[in-house]
Amino acid sequence: MDGTCRGNPGRSLIGFCIRDEVGDLIYAEGREISEGTNNVSEAVAIAEALKMCKGLNYFQIWMQTDSILLKNIIEESWKPPWYITKHVEEILRLKEQSIIKVTHIFREGNTLADHLANYALDEGNTECHGFWDLDSKGRRIVNEDKMQCPYIRVKVARN
């Protein structure tokens, strides 16, 4: 799941996908939400993804987010900023109804959710009920993820 914001605060969008245990796409969504901050967008994306999981009767969930803030808030090791308290309360209510493992991933591992949010910004809201509903870039991202090719992050020292 991913939340993005053009301007902070500004135009806010979310993107998330639900996959099965082998990485096949079950559902994906990218859409604009009300104006807000990047943290609000991330929180809304997580809440919407958990609501969709509940609606699809998925109760054992491995949630991956590129937001360390939200990961630590969901694990209740950090307190949420006041402006996302409402969304965090909803996330924690949904969490009580499921078995959820939360892990942090770098943005390179969150490419599909990022793509869905940016697609919603550029092309309009999108809702996909399977692999073939995705645009060609989204399908390429899913296939690359399923090949389990590692993402290598390199930091080059500057003189």
C-alpha atoms as a PDB file:
ATOM      1  CA  MET A   1       0.000   0.000   0.000  1.00  0.00           C
ATOM      2  CA  ASP A   2       1.113   3.515  -0.649  1.00  0.00           C
ATOM      3  CA  GLY A   3      -0.108   7.016  -0.139  1.00  0.00           C
ATOM      4  CA  THR A   4       1.205   9.915  -2.125  1.00  0.00           C
ATOM      5  CA  CYS A   5       0.718  13.625  -1.999  1.00  0.00           C
ATOM      6  CA  ARG A   6       1.423  16.321  -4.570  1.00  0.00           C
ATOM      7  CA  GLY A   7       2.316  19.175  -2.318  1.00  0.00           C
ATOM      8  CA  ASN A   8       2.355  18.507   1.389  1.00  0.00           C
ATOM      9  CA  PRO A   9      -0.441  19.172   2.175  1.00  0.00           C
ATOM     10  CA  GLY A  10      -1.944  18.869  -1.257  1.00  0.00           C
ATOM     11  CA  ARG A  11      -3.684  16.576  -3.688  1.00  0.00           C
ATOM     12  CA  SER A  12      -3.632  13.125  -2.051  1.00  0.00           C
ATOM     13  CA  LEU A  13      -3.874   9.679  -3.604  1.00  0.00           C
ATOM     14  CA  ILE A  14      -3.707   6.089  -2.436  1.00  0.00           C
ATOM     15  CA  GLY A  15      -2.692   2.851  -4.085  1.00  0.00           C
ATOM     16  CA  PHE A  16      -2.797  -0.667  -2.710  1.00  0.00           C
ATOM     17  CA  CYS A  17      -2.870  -4.228  -3.933  1.00  0.00           C
ATOM     18  CA  ILE A  18      -3.894  -7.550  -2.450  1.00  0.00           C
ATOM     19  CA  ARG A  19      -2.010 -10.641  -3.548  1.00  0.00           C
ATOM     20  CA  ASP A  20      -2.241 -14.291  -2.633  1.00  0.00           C
ATOM     21  CA  GLU A  21       0.561 -16.401  -1.185  1.00  0.00           C
ATOM     22  CA  VAL A  22       2.221 -16.933  -4.594  1.00  0.00           C
ATOM     23  CA  GLY A  23       2.053 -13.270  -5.568  1.00  0.00           C
ATOM     24  CA  ASP A  24      -0.943 -13.427  -7.916  1.00  0.00           C
ATOM     25  CA  LEU A  25      -2.992 -10.242  -7.927  1.00  0.00           C
ATOM     26  CA  ILE A  26      -6.411 -10.531  -6.289  1.00  0.00           C
ATOM     27  CA  TYR A  27      -7.357  -6.848  -6.185  1.00  0.00           C
ATOM     28  CA  ALA A  28      -5.713  -3.476  -6.753  1.00  0.00           C
ATOM     29  CA  GLU A  29      -6.928   0.084  -6.434  1.00  0.00           C
ATOM     30  CA  GLY A  30      -5.596   3.565  -7.028  1.00  0.00           C
ATOM     31  CA  ARG A  31      -7.697   6.622  -6.315  1.00  0.00           C
ATOM     32  CA  GLU A  32      -7.723  10.203  -5.218  1.00  0.00           C
ATOM     33  CA  ILE A  33      -8.797  11.023  -1.679  1.00  0.00           C
ATOM     34  CA  SER A  34      -9.446  14.355  -0.033  1.00  0.00           C
ATOM     35  CA  GLU A  35      -6.596  16.830   0.162  1.00  0.00           C
ATOM     36  CA  GLY A  36      -4.119  16.085   2.932  1.00  0.00           C
ATOM     37  CA  THR A  37      -0.561  15.164   3.853  1.00  0.00           C
ATOM     38  CA  ASN A  38       1.586  12.195   2.890  1.00  0.00           C
ATOM     39  CA  ASN A  39       1.024  10.605   6.329  1.00  0.00           C
ATOM     40  CA  VAL A  40      -2.753  10.937   5.981  1.00  0.00           C
ATOM     41  CA  SER A  41      -2.526   9.304   2.539  1.00  0.00           C
ATOM     42  CA  GLU A  42      -0.457   6.407   3.915  1.00  0.00           C
ATOM     43  CA  ALA A  43      -2.919   5.872   6.788  1.00  0.00           C
ATOM     44  CA  VAL A  44      -5.956   5.966   4.489  1.00  0.00           C
ATOM     45  CA  ALA A  45      -4.282   3.498   2.096  1.00  0.00           C
ATOM     46  CA  ILE A  46      -3.705   1.049   4.952  1.00  0.00           C
ATOM     47  CA  ALA A  47      -7.262   1.428   6.275  1.00  0.00           C
ATOM     48  CA  GLU A  48      -8.781   0.935   2.815  1.00  0.00           C
ATOM     49  CA  ALA A  49      -6.585  -2.112   2.135  1.00  0.00           C
ATOM     50  CA  LEU A  50      -7.598  -3.706   5.441  1.00  0.00           C
ATOM     51  CA  LYS A  51     -11.288  -3.015   4.743  1.00  0.00           C
ATOM     52  CA  MET A  52     -10.931  -4.697   1.349  1.00  0.00           C
ATOM     53  CA  CYS A  53      -9.167  -7.701   2.931  1.00  0.00           C
ATOM     54  CA  LYS A  54     -12.041  -8.016   5.398  1.00  0.00           C
ATOM     55  CA  GLY A  55     -14.566  -7.778   2.552  1.00  0.00           C
ATOM     56  CA  LEU A  56     -12.736 -10.549   0.680  1.00  0.00           C
ATOM     57  CA  ASN A  57     -12.596 -12.691   3.863  1.00  0.00           C
ATOM     58  CA  TYR A  58      -8.825 -12.522   4.223  1.00  0.00           C
ATOM     59  CA  PHE A  59      -7.968 -12.521   7.907  1.00  0.00           C
ATOM     60  CA  GLN A  60      -4.336 -13.676   7.891  1.00  0.00           C
ATOM     61  CA  ILE A  61      -2.574 -10.699   6.386  1.00  0.00           C
ATOM     62  CA  TRP A  62       1.042  -9.841   5.703  1.00  0.00           C
ATOM     63  CA  MET A  63       1.014  -6.082   5.292  1.00  0.00           C
ATOM     64  CA  GLN A  64       4.012  -4.380   3.700  1.00  0.00           C
ATOM     65  CA  THR A  65       4.387  -0.621   3.908  1.00  0.00           C
ATOM     66  CA  ASP A  66       7.139   1.798   2.994  1.00  0.00           C
ATOM     67  CA  SER A  67       6.109   4.054   5.887  1.00  0.00           C
ATOM     68  CA  ILE A  68       8.165   3.371   9.010  1.00  0.00           C
ATOM     69  CA  LEU A  69       5.910   5.823  10.847  1.00  0.00           C
ATOM     70  CA  LEU A  70       2.747   3.823  10.119  1.00  0.00           C
ATOM     71  CA  LYS A  71       4.454   0.474  10.728  1.00  0.00           C
ATOM     72  CA  ASN A  72       5.503   1.550  14.216  1.00  0.00           C
ATOM     73  CA  ILE A  73       2.130   3.138  14.959  1.00  0.00           C
ATOM     74  CA  ILE A  74       0.268  -0.039  13.928  1.00  0.00           C
ATOM     75  CA  GLU A  75       2.597  -2.105  16.117  1.00  0.00           C
ATOM     76  CA  GLU A  76       1.754   0.408  18.877  1.00  0.00           C
ATOM     77  CA  SER A  77       5.389   1.249  19.596  1.00  0.00           C
ATOM     78  CA  TRP A  78       4.900   4.889  18.496  1.00  0.00           C
ATOM     79  CA  LYS A  79       2.042   7.283  19.149  1.00  0.00           C
ATOM     80  CA  PRO A  80       0.315   8.737  16.075  1.00  0.00           C
ATOM     81  CA  PRO A  81       0.438  12.429  15.204  1.00  0.00           C
ATOM     82  CA  TRP A  82      -2.874  14.095  16.076  1.00  0.00           C
ATOM     83  CA  TYR A  83      -3.889  14.612  12.456  1.00  0.00           C
ATOM     84  CA  ILE A  84      -4.027  10.882  11.647  1.00  0.00           C
ATOM     85  CA  THR A  85      -5.534   9.669  14.946  1.00  0.00           C
ATOM     86  CA  LYS A  86      -8.950   9.033  13.364  1.00  0.00           C
ATOM     87  CA  HIS A  87      -7.434   6.826  10.647  1.00  0.00           C
ATOM     88  CA  VAL A  88      -5.155   5.006  13.093  1.00  0.00           C
ATOM     89  CA  GLU A  89      -8.123   4.166  15.344  1.00  0.00           C
ATOM     90  CA  GLU A  90      -9.881   2.637  12.336  1.00  0.00           C
ATOM     91  CA  ILE A  91      -6.740   0.656  11.413  1.00  0.00           C
ATOM     92  CA  LEU A  92      -6.405  -0.675  14.968  1.00  0.00           C
ATOM     93  CA  ARG A  93     -10.098  -1.703  15.025  1.00  0.00           C
ATOM     94  CA  LEU A  94      -9.616  -3.602  11.761  1.00  0.00           C
ATOM     95  CA  LYS A  95      -6.375  -5.105  13.084  1.00  0.00           C
ATOM     96  CA  GLU A  96      -8.251  -6.636  16.038  1.00  0.00           C
ATOM     97  CA  GLN A  97     -10.358  -8.689  13.600  1.00  0.00           C
ATOM     98  CA  SER A  98      -7.378 -10.254  11.817  1.00  0.00           C
ATOM     99  CA  ILE A  99      -3.941 -11.745  12.282  1.00  0.00           C
ATOM    100  CA  ILE A 100      -1.638  -9.126  10.799  1.00  0.00           C
ATOM    101  CA  LYS A 101       2.117  -9.166  10.325  1.00  0.00           C
ATOM    102  CA  VAL A 102       3.462  -5.700   9.452  1.00  0.00           C
ATOM    103  CA  THR A 103       6.821  -5.258   7.752  1.00  0.00           C
ATOM    104  CA  HIS A 104       8.650  -2.258   6.378  1.00  0.00           C
ATOM    105  CA  ILE A 105       9.810  -2.402   2.770  1.00  0.00           C
ATOM    106  CA  PHE A 106      11.785   0.096   0.769  1.00  0.00           C
ATOM    107  CA  ARG A 107       9.927   1.960  -1.952  1.00  0.00           C
ATOM    108  CA  GLU A 108      11.525  -0.297  -4.591  1.00  0.00           C
ATOM    109  CA  GLY A 109       9.522  -3.185  -3.138  1.00  0.00           C
ATOM    110  CA  ASN A 110       6.343  -1.126  -3.153  1.00  0.00           C
ATOM    111  CA  THR A 111       6.426  -0.321  -6.857  1.00  0.00           C
ATOM    112  CA  LEU A 112       2.938  -1.551  -7.772  1.00  0.00           C
ATOM    113  CA  ALA A 113       1.173   0.430  -5.036  1.00  0.00           C
ATOM    114  CA  ASP A 114       3.214   3.500  -5.973  1.00  0.00           C
ATOM    115  CA  HIS A 115       2.316   2.978  -9.633  1.00  0.00           C
ATOM    116  CA  LEU A 116      -1.401   2.685  -8.797  1.00  0.00           C
ATOM    117  CA  ALA A 117      -1.362   5.946  -6.818  1.00  0.00           C
ATOM    118  CA  ASN A 118       0.490   7.776  -9.595  1.00  0.00           C
ATOM    119  CA  TYR A 119      -1.788   6.243 -12.244  1.00  0.00           C
ATOM    120  CA  ALA A 120      -4.775   7.649 -10.350  1.00  0.00           C
ATOM    121  CA  LEU A 121      -3.100  11.052 -10.397  1.00  0.00           C
ATOM    122  CA  ASP A 122      -2.293  11.003 -14.113  1.00  0.00           C
ATOM    123  CA  GLU A 123      -5.144   8.953 -15.611  1.00  0.00           C
ATOM    124  CA  GLY A 124      -7.910   8.807 -12.994  1.00  0.00           C
ATOM    125  CA  ASN A 125      -9.067   6.280 -10.435  1.00  0.00           C
ATOM    126  CA  THR A 126      -8.478   2.605 -11.195  1.00  0.00           C
ATOM    127  CA  GLU A 127      -9.856  -0.621  -9.754  1.00  0.00           C
ATOM    128  CA  CYS A 128      -8.504  -4.009 -10.826  1.00  0.00           C
ATOM    129  CA  HIS A 129     -10.012  -7.386  -9.973  1.00  0.00           C
ATOM    130  CA  GLY A 130      -7.164  -9.379 -11.444  1.00  0.00           C
ATOM    131  CA  PHE A 131      -3.903  -9.282 -13.364  1.00  0.00           C
ATOM    132  CA  TRP A 132      -5.429  -8.511 -16.766  1.00  0.00           C
ATOM    133  CA  ASP A 133      -7.290  -5.464 -15.442  1.00  0.00           C
ATOM    134  CA  LEU A 134      -3.942  -3.731 -14.809  1.00  0.00           C
ATOM    135  CA  ASP A 135      -2.346  -1.508 -17.420  1.00  0.00           C
ATOM    136  CA  SER A 136       0.773  -2.862 -19.148  1.00  0.00           C
ATOM    137  CA  LYS A 137       3.174  -1.195 -16.692  1.00  0.00           C
ATOM    138  CA  GLY A 138       1.269  -2.641 -13.739  1.00  0.00           C
ATOM    139  CA  ARG A 139       1.371  -6.139 -15.278  1.00  0.00           C
ATOM    140  CA  ARG A 140       5.126  -5.771 -15.846  1.00  0.00           C
ATOM    141  CA  ILE A 141       5.623  -4.789 -12.198  1.00  0.00           C
ATOM    142  CA  VAL A 142       3.653  -7.831 -10.985  1.00  0.00           C
ATOM    143  CA  ASN A 143       5.643 -10.167 -13.239  1.00  0.00           C
ATOM    144  CA  GLU A 144       8.956  -8.694 -12.078  1.00  0.00           C
ATOM    145  CA  ASP A 145       7.890  -9.087  -8.445  1.00  0.00           C
ATOM    146  CA  LYS A 146       6.874 -12.700  -8.995  1.00  0.00           C
ATOM    147  CA  MET A 147      10.318 -13.466 -10.472  1.00  0.00           C
ATOM    148  CA  GLN A 148      11.677 -12.398  -7.062  1.00  0.00           C
ATOM    149  CA  CYS A 149      14.566 -10.468  -8.524  1.00  0.00           C
ATOM    150  CA  PRO A 150      16.317  -8.581  -5.733  1.00  0.00           C
ATOM    151  CA  TYR A 151      16.300  -4.810  -5.621  1.00  0.00           C
ATOM    152  CA  ILE A 152      19.791  -3.500  -5.047  1.00  0.00           C
ATOM    153  CA  ARG A 153      20.202  -0.104  -3.425  1.00  0.00           C
ATOM    154  CA  VAL A 154      23.568   1.513  -4.013  1.00  0.00           C
ATOM    155  CA  LYS A 155      24.759   4.706  -2.404  1.00  0.00           C
ATOM    156  CA  VAL A 156      27.655   6.297  -4.243  1.00  0.00           C
ATOM    157  CA  ALA A 157      30.051   8.442  -2.244  1.00  0.00           C
ATOM    158  CA  ARG A 158      30.543  11.898  -3.689  1.00  0.00           C
ATOM    159  CA  ASN A 159      33.883  13.673  -3.651  1.00  0.00           C
END
